[in-house]
Protein backbone atom coordinates (compact mmCIF):
# COMPACT_ATOMS: atom_id res chain seq x y z
CA MET A 1 -2.56 1.60 -24.03
CA ARG A 2 -2.83 1.22 -20.28
CA ILE A 3 0.15 0.23 -18.10
CA THR A 4 -0.73 -1.60 -14.92
CA ARG A 5 1.22 -1.42 -11.70
CA ALA A 6 2.30 -5.07 -12.15
CA SER A 7 3.67 -4.28 -15.63
CA PHE A 8 5.66 -1.40 -14.21
CA VAL A 9 7.16 -3.59 -11.45
CA VAL A 10 8.10 -6.31 -13.96
CA ALA A 11 9.67 -3.71 -16.25
CA ALA A 12 11.68 -2.27 -13.35
CA LEU A 13 12.95 -5.72 -12.35
CA VAL A 14 13.93 -6.56 -15.94
CA ALA A 15 15.76 -3.25 -16.23
CA GLY A 16 17.63 -4.08 -13.01
CA CYS A 17 18.73 -7.44 -14.37
CA SER A 18 19.90 -5.94 -17.65
CA GLY A 19 22.29 -3.50 -16.01
CA ALA A 20 20.09 -0.41 -16.41
CA SER A 21 19.74 0.21 -12.71
CA THR A 22 22.08 1.99 -10.34
CA PRO A 23 24.84 -0.24 -8.96
CA VAL A 24 24.45 -1.36 -5.38
CA SER A 25 27.28 -0.20 -3.17
CA PRO A 26 29.16 -2.67 -0.95
CA ASP A 27 28.77 -2.76 2.82
CA PRO A 28 29.74 0.42 4.62
CA PRO A 29 33.30 0.55 5.94
CA PRO A 30 33.85 -1.24 9.28
CA ALA A 31 33.98 1.99 11.29
CA ALA A 32 30.53 3.05 10.08
CA ALA A 33 29.12 -0.45 10.47
CA ALA A 34 30.40 -0.87 14.03
CA VAL A 35 28.10 1.78 15.47
CA ASP A 36 25.93 0.07 18.07
CA SER A 37 22.42 1.42 18.37
CA ASN A 38 21.83 -0.30 21.75
CA PRO A 39 25.05 0.03 23.73
CA SER A 40 24.77 -0.32 27.47
CA ALA A 41 27.17 1.53 29.72
CA ALA A 42 27.93 -1.79 31.46
CA GLU A 43 28.79 -3.65 28.24
CA THR A 44 32.30 -4.42 27.12
CA VAL A 45 32.48 -4.50 23.32
CA VAL A 46 35.46 -5.74 21.31
CA THR A 47 35.93 -6.52 17.63
CA VAL A 48 37.93 -9.58 16.60
CA GLU A 49 39.29 -10.59 13.21
CA LEU A 50 38.81 -14.23 12.34
CA ARG A 51 40.05 -16.31 9.39
CA PHE A 52 38.67 -19.65 8.21
CA ASP A 53 39.58 -22.60 10.46
CA GLU A 54 41.40 -20.25 12.85
CA THR A 55 40.54 -20.19 16.56
CA VAL A 56 40.49 -16.84 18.34
CA GLU A 57 39.91 -16.30 22.04
CA SER A 58 38.30 -13.09 23.27
CA GLU A 59 36.03 -12.02 26.12
CA GLY A 60 36.09 -15.53 27.59
CA LEU A 61 34.92 -17.20 24.37
CA LYS A 62 36.71 -19.23 21.74
CA LEU A 63 35.54 -18.73 18.16
CA ARG A 64 36.28 -20.76 15.04
CA TRP A 65 34.99 -19.83 11.54
CA LEU A 66 33.38 -22.85 9.89
CA GLU A 67 31.32 -21.73 6.88
CA LEU A 68 30.58 -18.74 4.66
CA GLU A 69 27.54 -17.95 2.52
CA ASP A 70 28.23 -14.75 0.60
CA SER A 71 25.60 -13.44 -1.80
CA ARG A 72 26.72 -9.79 -1.73
CA CYS A 73 26.60 -8.01 -5.05
CA PRO A 74 30.13 -8.17 -6.53
CA ILE A 75 31.97 -4.94 -7.25
CA GLY A 76 31.63 -4.21 -10.97
CA VAL A 77 28.20 -5.86 -11.27
CA THR A 78 24.75 -4.28 -11.22
CA CYS A 79 22.39 -6.21 -8.96
CA VAL A 80 18.72 -5.97 -8.07
CA TRP A 81 19.41 -7.28 -4.56
CA ALA A 82 22.38 -6.09 -2.47
CA GLY A 83 22.76 -9.55 -0.90
CA GLN A 84 23.89 -10.78 2.47
CA THR A 85 26.69 -12.59 4.26
CA VAL A 86 26.21 -15.48 6.68
CA VAL A 87 29.22 -16.64 8.69
CA THR A 88 28.84 -19.84 10.71
CA VAL A 89 31.09 -19.88 13.77
CA GLU A 90 31.71 -22.45 16.45
CA VAL A 91 31.60 -20.87 19.92
CA TRP A 92 32.66 -22.39 23.23
CA ARG A 93 34.09 -21.62 26.63
CA GLY A 94 36.48 -23.97 28.44
CA ASP A 95 35.22 -27.54 28.34
CA GLU A 96 31.60 -26.55 27.71
CA GLU A 97 29.65 -27.89 24.75
CA ARG A 98 30.47 -26.16 21.47
CA LEU A 99 27.67 -24.20 19.80
CA GLU A 100 27.30 -23.29 16.13
CA LEU A 101 26.00 -19.79 15.47
CA GLU A 102 25.03 -18.21 12.17
CA LEU A 103 25.95 -14.53 12.09
CA LEU A 104 23.92 -12.65 9.47
CA ARG A 105 24.74 -9.35 7.82
CA ARG A 106 22.40 -8.00 5.16
CA ALA A 107 24.06 -5.45 2.89
CA GLY A 108 23.11 -1.90 3.82
CA ARG A 109 21.61 -2.89 7.20
CA ASP A 110 22.84 -3.12 10.77
CA PRO A 111 24.27 -6.51 11.74
CA GLU A 112 21.80 -8.91 13.33
CA PRO A 113 22.81 -9.95 16.87
CA ALA A 114 23.17 -13.58 17.99
CA ARG A 115 23.53 -14.57 21.66
CA ALA A 116 25.58 -17.35 23.22
CA LEU A 117 27.13 -17.97 26.63
CA GLY A 118 26.33 -14.51 28.00
CA ARG A 119 27.72 -12.73 24.94
CA GLN A 120 26.18 -10.96 21.97
CA LEU A 121 27.94 -11.47 18.64
CA ARG A 122 27.44 -9.42 15.47
CA LEU A 123 29.07 -9.84 12.07
CA ILE A 124 30.50 -6.45 11.13
CA ASN A 125 31.85 -7.44 7.70
CA VAL A 126 33.76 -9.97 5.63
CA GLU A 127 36.68 -8.90 3.47
CA PRO A 128 37.51 -8.87 0.71
CA HIS A 129 34.19 -7.82 -0.81
CA PRO A 130 33.33 -10.01 -3.84
CA LYS A 131 34.53 -8.73 -7.22
CA GLU A 132 33.26 -9.72 -10.63
CA GLY A 133 35.07 -12.84 -11.87
CA ILE A 134 37.32 -13.20 -8.80
CA THR A 135 36.86 -15.82 -6.10
CA PRO A 136 39.12 -15.11 -3.11
CA ALA A 137 40.95 -18.03 -1.53
CA ARG A 138 39.35 -19.23 1.68
CA GLY A 139 42.46 -18.31 3.68
CA ASP A 140 42.43 -14.75 2.33
CA GLN A 141 39.03 -13.95 3.81
CA VAL A 142 38.66 -12.19 7.16
CA ALA A 143 35.47 -11.87 9.22
CA ARG A 144 35.20 -9.00 11.69
CA ILE A 145 32.98 -9.98 14.58
CA GLU A 146 31.87 -7.77 17.44
CA ILE A 147 31.52 -9.40 20.86
CA ALA A 148 29.63 -7.70 23.66
CA VAL A 149 29.67 -9.03 27.21
CA LEU A 150 26.11 -8.84 28.52
């Protein structure tokens, strides 16, 4: 009997869905995730903690957390895909028009930068990390967002 490459890939995916694969670890801790691969000596970088519907002011910007899409693999579950987190924030300065930004963080990767109003924002993490069978209350979730003045 001959096994084709496609058969092997399908078998590997089925094994991953059945719990036979190695569990995917959650995002690295904030300290490890906050390492910036492109820091400029002239940049000011701060990390803010933001809760749903809360407004935080930092580095001349006001931020408000509007939405969360969280497909990270829950702790206690074996997943084929590690998932990602997308936090939608409203950003504004003074009386200027408010902008909505989606901050994306793929599990196991560096945060993807988004730019607005002369600042670079990156989603460091969202806590708590999902757990099997537990849905945290919206008010219990905290997003850590890095703001760099460009």
